[in-house]
């Protein structure tokens, strides 16, 4: 079943306290999971204790990040992976992070509609989330949504990002297995192969493998990986897999590679390192968000001061973080 839950409780339905949703989430209730994710995304203070309780029951799921340059075909690939994992009996969860609408702040669904057909027959839970301006390719409540699906028994949980550039690689500290999708013929192959992208990948997938340009893209990736442009600190050798999400060609091989990487993490001890990295990132990201929320009024004053050239951006940043002993902006 595909779930696109509303961002707020329905007006005519009685509001159920978040604490009362927790047992239903743990029992795998789809509606309860959708409502809890909605409250996490909306930032309801009332849901904080419930989300903390859910977090204590999460931690078993395999989190798979799918990223790559915009236009590479990530949504189509996720649709194919839903079917492949479901055929093995997996209960698949998908958090698809979209750019925010500049007017409403909501998710621009775009190609999410094509996931619907795959999910309808596969017990998959698909949820789109808006970035709301958050950098790094992830929405602010992405990992809280992952916690909810994890506690509800979904695994693997696929996190599809907006589409990254060289510096927007937050997904690397949010997932256990990172699949970087490249596509030949976009005119963006060099950007996709820059070191910042190469180093985050556990698996390289080259989409649209039936195109004549695919062989060149595969050879270029393999060549750069042979020169050492791979993810540091891991005993895993990142494979380069040509795939076609439209025809289904070699999707099973990609699914199996994802499974082998999950087994490698557990057997090598690297899983503990990745979980530690995820925990560190979540603490720091939450601290940044809380700090920004508390200082939003002063932030706007600092923006005005920078625009008027009264102070420079470096001084403004230090004042916002409380690192500058100078007078606050009035």
C-alpha atoms as a PDB file:
ATOM      1  CA  UNK A   1       0.000   0.000   0.000  1.00  0.00           C
ATOM      2  CA  UNK A   2       1.280   3.456  -0.867  1.00  0.00           C
ATOM      3  CA  UNK A   3       0.725   6.157   1.713  1.00  0.00           C
ATOM      4  CA  UNK A   4       0.820   9.861   1.069  1.00  0.00           C
ATOM      5  CA  UNK A   5      -0.277  11.118   4.481  1.00  0.00           C
ATOM      6  CA  UNK A   6      -1.501  14.670   5.081  1.00  0.00           C
ATOM      7  CA  UNK A   7       0.869  17.035   6.817  1.00  0.00           C
ATOM      8  CA  UNK A   8      -1.691  17.694   9.578  1.00  0.00           C
ATOM      9  CA  UNK A   9      -4.419  15.643  11.215  1.00  0.00           C
ATOM     10  CA  UNK A  10      -7.743  15.608   9.353  1.00  0.00           C
ATOM     11  CA  UNK A  11     -10.077  18.290  10.623  1.00  0.00           C
ATOM     12  CA  UNK A  12     -13.086  16.059  11.325  1.00  0.00           C
ATOM     13  CA  UNK A  13     -11.186  13.219  12.961  1.00  0.00           C
ATOM     14  CA  UNK A  14     -10.522  13.229  16.681  1.00  0.00           C
ATOM     15  CA  UNK A  15      -6.911  14.058  17.411  1.00  0.00           C
ATOM     16  CA  UNK A  16      -5.119  11.033  18.831  1.00  0.00           C
ATOM     17  CA  UNK A  17      -2.206  11.907  21.149  1.00  0.00           C
ATOM     18  CA  UNK A  18       1.124  10.845  19.696  1.00  0.00           C
ATOM     19  CA  UNK A  19       1.848   8.652  22.698  1.00  0.00           C
ATOM     20  CA  UNK A  20      -1.211   6.552  21.837  1.00  0.00           C
ATOM     21  CA  UNK A  21       0.065   6.019  18.276  1.00  0.00           C
ATOM     22  CA  UNK A  22       3.304   4.389  19.419  1.00  0.00           C
ATOM     23  CA  UNK A  23       1.905   0.871  20.079  1.00  0.00           C
ATOM     24  CA  UNK A  24       0.199   0.887  16.689  1.00  0.00           C
ATOM     25  CA  UNK A  25       3.404   2.006  14.969  1.00  0.00           C
ATOM     26  CA  UNK A  26       5.310  -0.816  16.652  1.00  0.00           C
ATOM     27  CA  UNK A  27       2.608  -3.229  15.496  1.00  0.00           C
ATOM     28  CA  UNK A  28       3.185  -2.127  11.896  1.00  0.00           C
ATOM     29  CA  UNK A  29      -0.031  -0.148  11.493  1.00  0.00           C
ATOM     30  CA  UNK A  30       0.303   1.836   8.260  1.00  0.00           C
ATOM     31  CA  UNK A  31      -2.058   4.649   9.250  1.00  0.00           C
ATOM     32  CA  UNK A  32      -0.338   5.168  12.600  1.00  0.00           C
ATOM     33  CA  UNK A  33       3.080   5.278  10.928  1.00  0.00           C
ATOM     34  CA  UNK A  34       1.845   7.829   8.383  1.00  0.00           C
ATOM     35  CA  UNK A  35       0.369  10.059  11.088  1.00  0.00           C
ATOM     36  CA  UNK A  36       3.522   9.909  13.184  1.00  0.00           C
ATOM     37  CA  UNK A  37       5.679  10.867  10.198  1.00  0.00           C
ATOM     38  CA  UNK A  38       3.320  13.780   9.502  1.00  0.00           C
ATOM     39  CA  UNK A  39       3.795  15.036  13.048  1.00  0.00           C
ATOM     40  CA  UNK A  40       7.566  14.682  12.831  1.00  0.00           C
ATOM     41  CA  UNK A  41       7.605  16.623   9.564  1.00  0.00           C
ATOM     42  CA  UNK A  42       5.369  19.338  10.988  1.00  0.00           C
ATOM     43  CA  UNK A  43       7.593  19.645  14.058  1.00  0.00           C
ATOM     44  CA  UNK A  44       4.864  19.041  16.632  1.00  0.00           C
ATOM     45  CA  UNK A  45       6.325  19.480  20.117  1.00  0.00           C
ATOM     46  CA  UNK A  46       3.674  17.116  21.422  1.00  0.00           C
ATOM     47  CA  UNK A  47       5.179  14.301  19.339  1.00  0.00           C
ATOM     48  CA  UNK A  48       8.715  14.595  20.750  1.00  0.00           C
ATOM     49  CA  UNK A  49       8.327  12.043  23.539  1.00  0.00           C
ATOM     50  CA  UNK A  50       6.609   9.568  21.207  1.00  0.00           C
ATOM     51  CA  UNK A  51       9.342   9.918  18.601  1.00  0.00           C
ATOM     52  CA  UNK A  52      11.947   9.360  21.318  1.00  0.00           C
ATOM     53  CA  UNK A  53      10.164   6.149  22.339  1.00  0.00           C
ATOM     54  CA  UNK A  54      10.015   5.018  18.709  1.00  0.00           C
ATOM     55  CA  UNK A  55      13.738   5.707  18.343  1.00  0.00           C
ATOM     56  CA  UNK A  56      14.464   3.256  21.158  1.00  0.00           C
ATOM     57  CA  UNK A  57      12.664   0.521  19.201  1.00  0.00           C
ATOM     58  CA  UNK A  58      14.387   1.302  15.871  1.00  0.00           C
ATOM     59  CA  UNK A  59      17.837   0.302  14.685  1.00  0.00           C
ATOM     60  CA  UNK A  60      17.267  -3.005  12.894  1.00  0.00           C
ATOM     61  CA  UNK A  61      16.494  -1.840   9.366  1.00  0.00           C
ATOM     62  CA  UNK A  62      18.943  -1.609   6.487  1.00  0.00           C
ATOM     63  CA  UNK A  63      18.946   2.030   5.332  1.00  0.00           C
ATOM     64  CA  UNK A  64      19.846   2.434   1.662  1.00  0.00           C
ATOM     65  CA  UNK A  65      20.606   5.879   0.256  1.00  0.00           C
ATOM     66  CA  UNK A  66      19.988   6.483  -3.452  1.00  0.00           C
ATOM     67  CA  UNK A  67      21.563   9.646  -4.775  1.00  0.00           C
ATOM     68  CA  UNK A  68      23.060  11.136  -7.918  1.00  0.00           C
ATOM     69  CA  UNK A  69      22.752  14.114 -10.185  1.00  0.00           C
ATOM     70  CA  UNK A  70      19.228  15.367 -11.038  1.00  0.00           C
ATOM     71  CA  UNK A  71      17.796  13.643 -14.077  1.00  0.00           C
ATOM     72  CA  UNK A  72      19.732  10.423 -13.608  1.00  0.00           C
ATOM     73  CA  UNK A  73      16.535   8.408 -13.102  1.00  0.00           C
ATOM     74  CA  UNK A  74      16.582   7.868  -9.334  1.00  0.00           C
ATOM     75  CA  UNK A  75      12.804   7.603  -8.946  1.00  0.00           C
ATOM     76  CA  UNK A  76      12.555   5.027 -11.723  1.00  0.00           C
ATOM     77  CA  UNK A  77      15.370   3.036 -10.140  1.00  0.00           C
ATOM     78  CA  UNK A  78      13.681   3.111  -6.727  1.00  0.00           C
ATOM     79  CA  UNK A  79      10.465   1.822  -8.319  1.00  0.00           C
ATOM     80  CA  UNK A  80      12.354  -1.102  -9.807  1.00  0.00           C
ATOM     81  CA  UNK A  81      14.101  -1.831  -6.500  1.00  0.00           C
ATOM     82  CA  UNK A  82      10.753  -1.849  -4.655  1.00  0.00           C
ATOM     83  CA  UNK A  83       9.582  -4.684  -6.883  1.00  0.00           C
ATOM     84  CA  UNK A  84      12.898  -6.542  -6.655  1.00  0.00           C
ATOM     85  CA  UNK A  85      13.052  -6.467  -2.852  1.00  0.00           C
ATOM     86  CA  UNK A  86       9.340  -7.203  -2.475  1.00  0.00           C
ATOM     87  CA  UNK A  87       9.743 -10.309  -4.620  1.00  0.00           C
ATOM     88  CA  UNK A  88      12.037 -11.646  -1.885  1.00  0.00           C
ATOM     89  CA  UNK A  89       9.402 -10.962   0.770  1.00  0.00           C
ATOM     90  CA  UNK A  90      10.834  -7.696   2.079  1.00  0.00           C
ATOM     91  CA  UNK A  91       8.566  -5.006   3.492  1.00  0.00           C
ATOM     92  CA  UNK A  92      10.032  -1.960   1.759  1.00  0.00           C
ATOM     93  CA  UNK A  93       9.874   1.622   3.004  1.00  0.00           C
ATOM     94  CA  UNK A  94      10.747   4.642   0.863  1.00  0.00           C
ATOM     95  CA  UNK A  95      11.375   8.216   1.953  1.00  0.00           C
ATOM     96  CA  UNK A  96      11.668  10.298  -1.216  1.00  0.00           C
ATOM     97  CA  UNK A  97      13.075  13.749  -0.521  1.00  0.00           C
ATOM     98  CA  UNK A  98      11.959  16.397  -2.998  1.00  0.00           C
ATOM     99  CA  UNK A  99      12.860  20.015  -3.601  1.00  0.00           C
ATOM    100  CA  UNK A 100      10.479  22.378  -1.836  1.00  0.00           C
ATOM    101  CA  UNK A 101       7.953  24.463  -3.696  1.00  0.00           C
ATOM    102  CA  UNK A 102       9.164  28.078  -3.490  1.00  0.00           C
ATOM    103  CA  UNK A 103       5.572  29.136  -2.797  1.00  0.00           C
ATOM    104  CA  UNK A 104       4.016  26.546  -0.475  1.00  0.00           C
ATOM    105  CA  UNK A 105       7.128  24.926   1.006  1.00  0.00           C
ATOM    106  CA  UNK A 106       5.625  21.529   0.167  1.00  0.00           C
ATOM    107  CA  UNK A 107       7.211  18.724  -1.804  1.00  0.00           C
ATOM    108  CA  UNK A 108       7.196  18.902  -5.591  1.00  0.00           C
ATOM    109  CA  UNK A 109       6.156  15.333  -6.288  1.00  0.00           C
ATOM    110  CA  UNK A 110       7.448  15.131  -9.848  1.00  0.00           C
ATOM    111  CA  UNK A 111       8.306  11.542 -10.725  1.00  0.00           C
ATOM    112  CA  UNK A 112       7.016  10.188  -7.397  1.00  0.00           C
ATOM    113  CA  UNK A 113       3.788   9.264  -9.172  1.00  0.00           C
ATOM    114  CA  UNK A 114       5.611   6.506 -11.048  1.00  0.00           C
ATOM    115  CA  UNK A 115       6.491   4.779  -7.752  1.00  0.00           C
ATOM    116  CA  UNK A 116       2.809   4.304  -7.045  1.00  0.00           C
ATOM    117  CA  UNK A 117       2.262   1.381  -9.402  1.00  0.00           C
ATOM    118  CA  UNK A 118       5.263  -0.494  -8.021  1.00  0.00           C
ATOM    119  CA  UNK A 119       4.270   0.144  -4.419  1.00  0.00           C
ATOM    120  CA  UNK A 120       0.576  -0.730  -4.712  1.00  0.00           C
ATOM    121  CA  UNK A 121       1.224  -4.442  -5.133  1.00  0.00           C
ATOM    122  CA  UNK A 122       4.320  -4.680  -2.940  1.00  0.00           C
ATOM    123  CA  UNK A 123       3.244  -3.598   0.552  1.00  0.00           C
ATOM    124  CA  UNK A 124       5.624  -0.685   0.168  1.00  0.00           C
ATOM    125  CA  UNK A 125       5.270   2.537   2.136  1.00  0.00           C
ATOM    126  CA  UNK A 126       6.226   5.550  -0.003  1.00  0.00           C
ATOM    127  CA  UNK A 127       6.401   9.022   1.483  1.00  0.00           C
ATOM    128  CA  UNK A 128       7.551  12.253  -0.152  1.00  0.00           C
ATOM    129  CA  UNK A 129       9.122  14.908   2.037  1.00  0.00           C
ATOM    130  CA  UNK A 130      10.105  18.462   1.173  1.00  0.00           C
ATOM    131  CA  UNK A 131      13.620  19.694   1.887  1.00  0.00           C
ATOM    132  CA  UNK A 132      12.190  23.054   3.029  1.00  0.00           C
ATOM    133  CA  UNK A 133      15.495  24.637   2.095  1.00  0.00           C
ATOM    134  CA  UNK A 134      17.642  22.188   4.047  1.00  0.00           C
ATOM    135  CA  UNK A 135      21.036  21.644   2.435  1.00  0.00           C
ATOM    136  CA  UNK A 136      22.694  18.289   2.048  1.00  0.00           C
ATOM    137  CA  UNK A 137      19.988  16.540   0.047  1.00  0.00           C
ATOM    138  CA  UNK A 138      17.865  15.514   3.044  1.00  0.00           C
ATOM    139  CA  UNK A 139      14.752  16.918   4.669  1.00  0.00           C
ATOM    140  CA  UNK A 140      14.871  17.941   8.304  1.00  0.00           C
ATOM    141  CA  UNK A 141      12.640  15.096   9.526  1.00  0.00           C
ATOM    142  CA  UNK A 142      13.989  12.461   7.125  1.00  0.00           C
ATOM    143  CA  UNK A 143      15.643  10.283   9.738  1.00  0.00           C
ATOM    144  CA  UNK A 144      12.749  10.581  12.166  1.00  0.00           C
ATOM    145  CA  UNK A 145      10.591   9.190   9.375  1.00  0.00           C
ATOM    146  CA  UNK A 146      13.152   6.429   8.906  1.00  0.00           C
ATOM    147  CA  UNK A 147      12.898   5.670  12.644  1.00  0.00           C
ATOM    148  CA  UNK A 148       9.122   5.308  12.347  1.00  0.00           C
ATOM    149  CA  UNK A 149       9.347   2.899   9.404  1.00  0.00           C
ATOM    150  CA  UNK A 150      12.194   1.001  11.072  1.00  0.00           C
ATOM    151  CA  UNK A 151      10.173   0.512  14.265  1.00  0.00           C
ATOM    152  CA  UNK A 152       7.156  -0.489  12.155  1.00  0.00           C
ATOM    153  CA  UNK A 153       9.095  -3.385  10.645  1.00  0.00           C
ATOM    154  CA  UNK A 154      10.136  -2.021   7.249  1.00  0.00           C
ATOM    155  CA  UNK A 155      13.501  -3.081   5.803  1.00  0.00           C
ATOM    156  CA  UNK A 156      15.176  -2.082   3.633  1.00  0.00           C
ATOM    157  CA  UNK A 157      14.275   1.586   3.928  1.00  0.00           C
ATOM    158  CA  UNK A 158      15.286   3.504   0.826  1.00  0.00           C
ATOM    159  CA  UNK A 159      16.089   7.195   1.184  1.00  0.00           C
ATOM    160  CA  UNK A 160      16.092   8.923  -2.186  1.00  0.00           C
ATOM    161  CA  UNK A 161      17.681  12.359  -2.086  1.00  0.00           C
ATOM    162  CA  UNK A 162      16.972  15.470  -4.112  1.00  0.00           C
ATOM    163  CA  UNK A 163      20.086  14.948  -6.214  1.00  0.00           C
ATOM    164  CA  UNK A 164      23.483  15.934  -4.973  1.00  0.00           C
ATOM    165  CA  UNK A 165      26.354  18.062  -6.099  1.00  0.00           C
ATOM    166  CA  UNK A 166      29.929  17.543  -5.031  1.00  0.00           C
ATOM    167  CA  UNK A 167      29.480  19.137  -1.620  1.00  0.00           C
ATOM    168  CA  UNK A 168      25.904  18.056  -0.857  1.00  0.00           C
ATOM    169  CA  UNK A 169      26.606  14.590   0.473  1.00  0.00           C
ATOM    170  CA  UNK A 170      24.781  14.519   3.814  1.00  0.00           C
ATOM    171  CA  UNK A 171      23.215  11.224   2.775  1.00  0.00           C
ATOM    172  CA  UNK A 172      26.589   9.545   3.391  1.00  0.00           C
ATOM    173  CA  UNK A 173      26.079   9.952   7.148  1.00  0.00           C
ATOM    174  CA  UNK A 174      22.415   8.983   7.066  1.00  0.00           C
ATOM    175  CA  UNK A 175      22.448   5.542   5.441  1.00  0.00           C
ATOM    176  CA  UNK A 176      24.285   2.246   5.731  1.00  0.00           C
ATOM    177  CA  UNK A 177      24.610   1.608   1.999  1.00  0.00           C
ATOM    178  CA  UNK A 178      24.993   4.405  -0.553  1.00  0.00           C
ATOM    179  CA  UNK A 179      24.095   3.822  -4.200  1.00  0.00           C
ATOM    180  CA  UNK A 180      25.223   6.617  -6.517  1.00  0.00           C
ATOM    181  CA  UNK A 181      23.352   6.604  -9.811  1.00  0.00           C
ATOM    182  CA  UNK A 182      24.956   8.078 -12.903  1.00  0.00           C
ATOM    183  CA  UNK A 183      23.409   8.326 -16.337  1.00  0.00           C
ATOM    184  CA  UNK A 184      25.215   8.634 -19.651  1.00  0.00           C
ATOM    185  CA  UNK A 185      24.349  11.322 -22.108  1.00  0.00           C
ATOM    186  CA  UNK A 186      23.257  14.002 -19.629  1.00  0.00           C
ATOM    187  CA  UNK A 187      26.275  16.181 -20.248  1.00  0.00           C
ATOM    188  CA  UNK A 188      26.959  15.941 -16.515  1.00  0.00           C
ATOM    189  CA  UNK A 189      29.138  12.839 -16.386  1.00  0.00           C
ATOM    190  CA  UNK A 190      32.228  14.707 -15.196  1.00  0.00           C
ATOM    191  CA  UNK A 191      30.299  16.312 -12.346  1.00  0.00           C
ATOM    192  CA  UNK A 192      28.966  12.934 -11.275  1.00  0.00           C
ATOM    193  CA  UNK A 193      32.467  11.481 -11.216  1.00  0.00           C
ATOM    194  CA  UNK A 194      34.124  14.177  -9.099  1.00  0.00           C
ATOM    195  CA  UNK A 195      35.854  12.909  -5.994  1.00  0.00           C
ATOM    196  CA  UNK A 196      33.135  14.165  -3.634  1.00  0.00           C
ATOM    197  CA  UNK A 197      30.616  11.878  -5.319  1.00  0.00           C
ATOM    198  CA  UNK A 198      32.940   8.959  -5.967  1.00  0.00           C
ATOM    199  CA  UNK A 199      34.008   8.729  -2.348  1.00  0.00           C
ATOM    200  CA  UNK A 200      30.520   8.412  -0.884  1.00  0.00           C
ATOM    201  CA  UNK A 201      29.477   5.468  -3.065  1.00  0.00           C
ATOM    202  CA  UNK A 202      29.354   1.901  -1.832  1.00  0.00           C
ATOM    203  CA  UNK A 203      27.818   0.895  -5.148  1.00  0.00           C
ATOM    204  CA  UNK A 204      27.933   2.737  -8.461  1.00  0.00           C
ATOM    205  CA  UNK A 205      24.975   2.192 -10.751  1.00  0.00           C
ATOM    206  CA  UNK A 206      25.083   3.463 -14.325  1.00  0.00           C
ATOM    207  CA  UNK A 207      21.538   3.837 -15.561  1.00  0.00           C
ATOM    208  CA  UNK A 208      20.138   3.636 -19.069  1.00  0.00           C
ATOM    209  CA  UNK A 209      22.697   0.950 -19.821  1.00  0.00           C
ATOM    210  CA  UNK A 210      21.127   0.272 -23.221  1.00  0.00           C
ATOM    211  CA  UNK A 211      22.419   3.630 -24.480  1.00  0.00           C
ATOM    212  CA  UNK A 212      25.628   3.591 -26.536  1.00  0.00           C
ATOM    213  CA  UNK A 213      27.183   6.184 -24.201  1.00  0.00           C
ATOM    214  CA  UNK A 214      26.854   3.841 -21.227  1.00  0.00           C
ATOM    215  CA  UNK A 215      30.019   1.859 -21.974  1.00  0.00           C
ATOM    216  CA  UNK A 216      32.144   5.021 -21.873  1.00  0.00           C
ATOM    217  CA  UNK A 217      30.617   6.112 -18.565  1.00  0.00           C
ATOM    218  CA  UNK A 218      31.224   2.676 -17.032  1.00  0.00           C
ATOM    219  CA  UNK A 219      34.832   2.611 -18.249  1.00  0.00           C
ATOM    220  CA  UNK A 220      35.480   6.108 -16.879  1.00  0.00           C
ATOM    221  CA  UNK A 221      34.100   5.176 -13.450  1.00  0.00           C
ATOM    222  CA  UNK A 222      36.108   1.972 -13.317  1.00  0.00           C
ATOM    223  CA  UNK A 223      39.234   3.847 -14.324  1.00  0.00           C
ATOM    224  CA  UNK A 224      38.843   6.462 -11.605  1.00  0.00           C
ATOM    225  CA  UNK A 225      38.122   3.798  -8.986  1.00  0.00           C
ATOM    226  CA  UNK A 226      41.249   1.910 -10.021  1.00  0.00           C
ATOM    227  CA  UNK A 227      43.237   5.077  -9.217  1.00  0.00           C
ATOM    228  CA  UNK A 228      41.992   5.009  -5.644  1.00  0.00           C
ATOM    229  CA  UNK A 229      39.000   7.339  -5.905  1.00  0.00           C
ATOM    230  CA  UNK A 230      36.872   5.195  -3.601  1.00  0.00           C
ATOM    231  CA  UNK A 231      35.259   5.509  -0.211  1.00  0.00           C
ATOM    232  CA  UNK A 232      38.006   5.679   2.450  1.00  0.00           C
ATOM    233  CA  UNK A 233      38.099   3.557   5.579  1.00  0.00           C
ATOM    234  CA  UNK A 234      36.286   0.545   4.148  1.00  0.00           C
ATOM    235  CA  UNK A 235      37.366  -2.918   3.095  1.00  0.00           C
ATOM    236  CA  UNK A 236      34.580  -2.977   0.528  1.00  0.00           C
ATOM    237  CA  UNK A 237      35.405  -2.635  -3.171  1.00  0.00           C
ATOM    238  CA  UNK A 238      32.659  -0.533  -4.760  1.00  0.00           C
ATOM    239  CA  UNK A 239      31.277  -2.284  -7.856  1.00  0.00           C
ATOM    240  CA  UNK A 240      30.148  -0.479 -11.002  1.00  0.00           C
ATOM    241  CA  UNK A 241      26.871  -1.961 -12.231  1.00  0.00           C
ATOM    242  CA  UNK A 242      25.115  -1.031 -15.480  1.00  0.00           C
ATOM    243  CA  UNK A 243      21.336  -1.107 -15.021  1.00  0.00           C
ATOM    244  CA  UNK A 244      18.153  -0.190 -16.829  1.00  0.00           C
ATOM    245  CA  UNK A 245      15.280   0.595 -14.497  1.00  0.00           C
ATOM    246  CA  UNK A 246      12.839   0.845 -17.409  1.00  0.00           C
ATOM    247  CA  UNK A 247      13.562  -2.605 -18.858  1.00  0.00           C
ATOM    248  CA  UNK A 248      14.541  -4.133 -15.520  1.00  0.00           C
ATOM    249  CA  UNK A 249      17.899  -5.211 -16.890  1.00  0.00           C
ATOM    250  CA  UNK A 250      20.348  -6.149 -14.112  1.00  0.00           C
ATOM    251  CA  UNK A 251      18.153  -4.705 -11.339  1.00  0.00           C
ATOM    252  CA  UNK A 252      18.373  -8.062  -9.565  1.00  0.00           C
ATOM    253  CA  UNK A 253      22.171  -7.773  -9.635  1.00  0.00           C
ATOM    254  CA  UNK A 254      21.942  -4.346  -8.025  1.00  0.00           C
ATOM    255  CA  UNK A 255      19.590  -5.697  -5.349  1.00  0.00           C
ATOM    256  CA  UNK A 256      22.006  -8.536  -4.637  1.00  0.00           C
ATOM    257  CA  UNK A 257      24.960  -6.120  -4.428  1.00  0.00           C
ATOM    258  CA  UNK A 258      23.037  -4.061  -1.870  1.00  0.00           C
ATOM    259  CA  UNK A 259      22.450  -7.233   0.131  1.00  0.00           C
ATOM    260  CA  UNK A 260      26.117  -8.235  -0.084  1.00  0.00           C
ATOM    261  CA  UNK A 261      27.179  -4.831   1.193  1.00  0.00           C
ATOM    262  CA  UNK A 262      24.798  -5.127   4.152  1.00  0.00           C
ATOM    263  CA  UNK A 263      26.301  -8.525   4.959  1.00  0.00           C
ATOM    264  CA  UNK A 264      29.821  -7.075   4.619  1.00  0.00           C
ATOM    265  CA  UNK A 265      29.036  -4.280   7.081  1.00  0.00           C
ATOM    266  CA  UNK A 266      27.774  -6.712   9.685  1.00  0.00           C
ATOM    267  CA  UNK A 267      30.549  -9.273   9.244  1.00  0.00           C
ATOM    268  CA  UNK A 268      33.434  -6.763   9.103  1.00  0.00           C
ATOM    269  CA  UNK A 269      32.351  -4.617  12.029  1.00  0.00           C
ATOM    270  CA  UNK A 270      31.952  -1.551   9.810  1.00  0.00           C
ATOM    271  CA  UNK A 271      28.242  -1.379  10.654  1.00  0.00           C
ATOM    272  CA  UNK A 272      29.070  -0.128  14.151  1.00  0.00           C
ATOM    273  CA  UNK A 273      31.187   2.653  12.616  1.00  0.00           C
ATOM    274  CA  UNK A 274      28.389   3.714  10.284  1.00  0.00           C
ATOM    275  CA  UNK A 275      25.847   3.717  13.098  1.00  0.00           C
ATOM    276  CA  UNK A 276      28.192   5.920  15.120  1.00  0.00           C
ATOM    277  CA  UNK A 277      28.538   8.324  12.181  1.00  0.00           C
ATOM    278  CA  UNK A 278      24.757   8.484  11.816  1.00  0.00           C
ATOM    279  CA  UNK A 279      24.368   9.211  15.528  1.00  0.00           C
ATOM    280  CA  UNK A 280      27.000  11.945  15.432  1.00  0.00           C
ATOM    281  CA  UNK A 281      25.400  13.576  12.397  1.00  0.00           C
ATOM    282  CA  UNK A 282      21.936  13.515  13.967  1.00  0.00           C
ATOM    283  CA  UNK A 283      23.109  15.202  17.161  1.00  0.00           C
ATOM    284  CA  UNK A 284      24.921  17.964  15.271  1.00  0.00           C
ATOM    285  CA  UNK A 285      22.114  18.481  12.764  1.00  0.00           C
ATOM    286  CA  UNK A 286      19.494  18.692  15.510  1.00  0.00           C
ATOM    287  CA  UNK A 287      21.657  21.140  17.470  1.00  0.00           C
ATOM    288  CA  UNK A 288      21.956  23.355  14.393  1.00  0.00           C
ATOM    289  CA  UNK A 289      18.214  23.290  13.832  1.00  0.00           C
ATOM    290  CA  UNK A 290      17.433  24.096  17.466  1.00  0.00           C
ATOM    291  CA  UNK A 291      19.940  26.926  17.478  1.00  0.00           C
ATOM    292  CA  UNK A 292      18.473  28.386  14.305  1.00  0.00           C
ATOM    293  CA  UNK A 293      14.906  28.138  15.639  1.00  0.00           C
ATOM    294  CA  UNK A 294      15.863  29.967  18.828  1.00  0.00           C
ATOM    295  CA  UNK A 295      17.781  32.689  17.024  1.00  0.00           C
ATOM    296  CA  UNK A 296      15.554  33.210  13.988  1.00  0.00           C
ATOM    297  CA  UNK A 297      14.686  36.793  15.012  1.00  0.00           C
ATOM    298  CA  UNK A 298      18.295  37.779  15.471  1.00  0.00           C
ATOM    299  CA  UNK A 299      19.162  35.928  12.258  1.00  0.00           C
ATOM    300  CA  UNK A 300      16.902  38.214  10.236  1.00  0.00           C
ATOM    301  CA  UNK A 301      18.492  41.272  11.852  1.00  0.00           C
ATOM    302  CA  UNK A 302      21.914  39.921  10.995  1.00  0.00           C
ATOM    303  CA  UNK A 303      20.811  39.428   7.389  1.00  0.00           C
ATOM    304  CA  UNK A 304      19.781  43.078   7.226  1.00  0.00           C
ATOM    305  CA  UNK A 305      23.110  44.137   8.739  1.00  0.00           C
ATOM    306  CA  UNK A 306      25.037  42.084   6.169  1.00  0.00           C
ATOM    307  CA  UNK A 307      22.958  43.379   3.267  1.00  0.00           C
ATOM    308  CA  UNK A 308      23.548  46.970   4.409  1.00  0.00           C
ATOM    309  CA  UNK A 309      27.284  46.230   4.750  1.00  0.00           C
ATOM    310  CA  UNK A 310      27.347  47.142   8.438  1.00  0.00           C
ATOM    311  CA  UNK A 311      28.997  43.808   9.224  1.00  0.00           C
ATOM    312  CA  UNK A 312      30.453  41.043   7.113  1.00  0.00           C
ATOM    313  CA  UNK A 313      29.030  37.484   6.881  1.00  0.00           C
ATOM    314  CA  UNK A 314      31.805  36.004   9.030  1.00  0.00           C
ATOM    315  CA  UNK A 315      31.068  38.350  11.937  1.00  0.00           C
ATOM    316  CA  UNK A 316      27.331  37.696  11.518  1.00  0.00           C
ATOM    317  CA  UNK A 317      27.851  33.931  11.709  1.00  0.00           C
ATOM    318  CA  UNK A 318      29.994  34.242  14.845  1.00  0.00           C
ATOM    319  CA  UNK A 319      27.399  36.421  16.522  1.00  0.00           C
ATOM    320  CA  UNK A 320      24.624  34.002  15.643  1.00  0.00           C
ATOM    321  CA  UNK A 321      26.598  31.180  17.259  1.00  0.00           C
ATOM    322  CA  UNK A 322      27.485  33.259  20.301  1.00  0.00           C
ATOM    323  CA  UNK A 323      31.191  33.184  19.443  1.00  0.00           C
ATOM    324  CA  UNK A 324      31.585  36.947  19.123  1.00  0.00           C
ATOM    325  CA  UNK A 325      31.852  39.164  22.213  1.00  0.00           C
ATOM    326  CA  UNK A 326      30.802  42.222  20.259  1.00  0.00           C
ATOM    327  CA  UNK A 327      27.482  43.966  20.677  1.00  0.00           C
ATOM    328  CA  UNK A 328      24.408  42.223  19.351  1.00  0.00           C
ATOM    329  CA  UNK A 329      22.663  43.682  16.343  1.00  0.00           C
ATOM    330  CA  UNK A 330      19.930  46.076  17.504  1.00  0.00           C
END
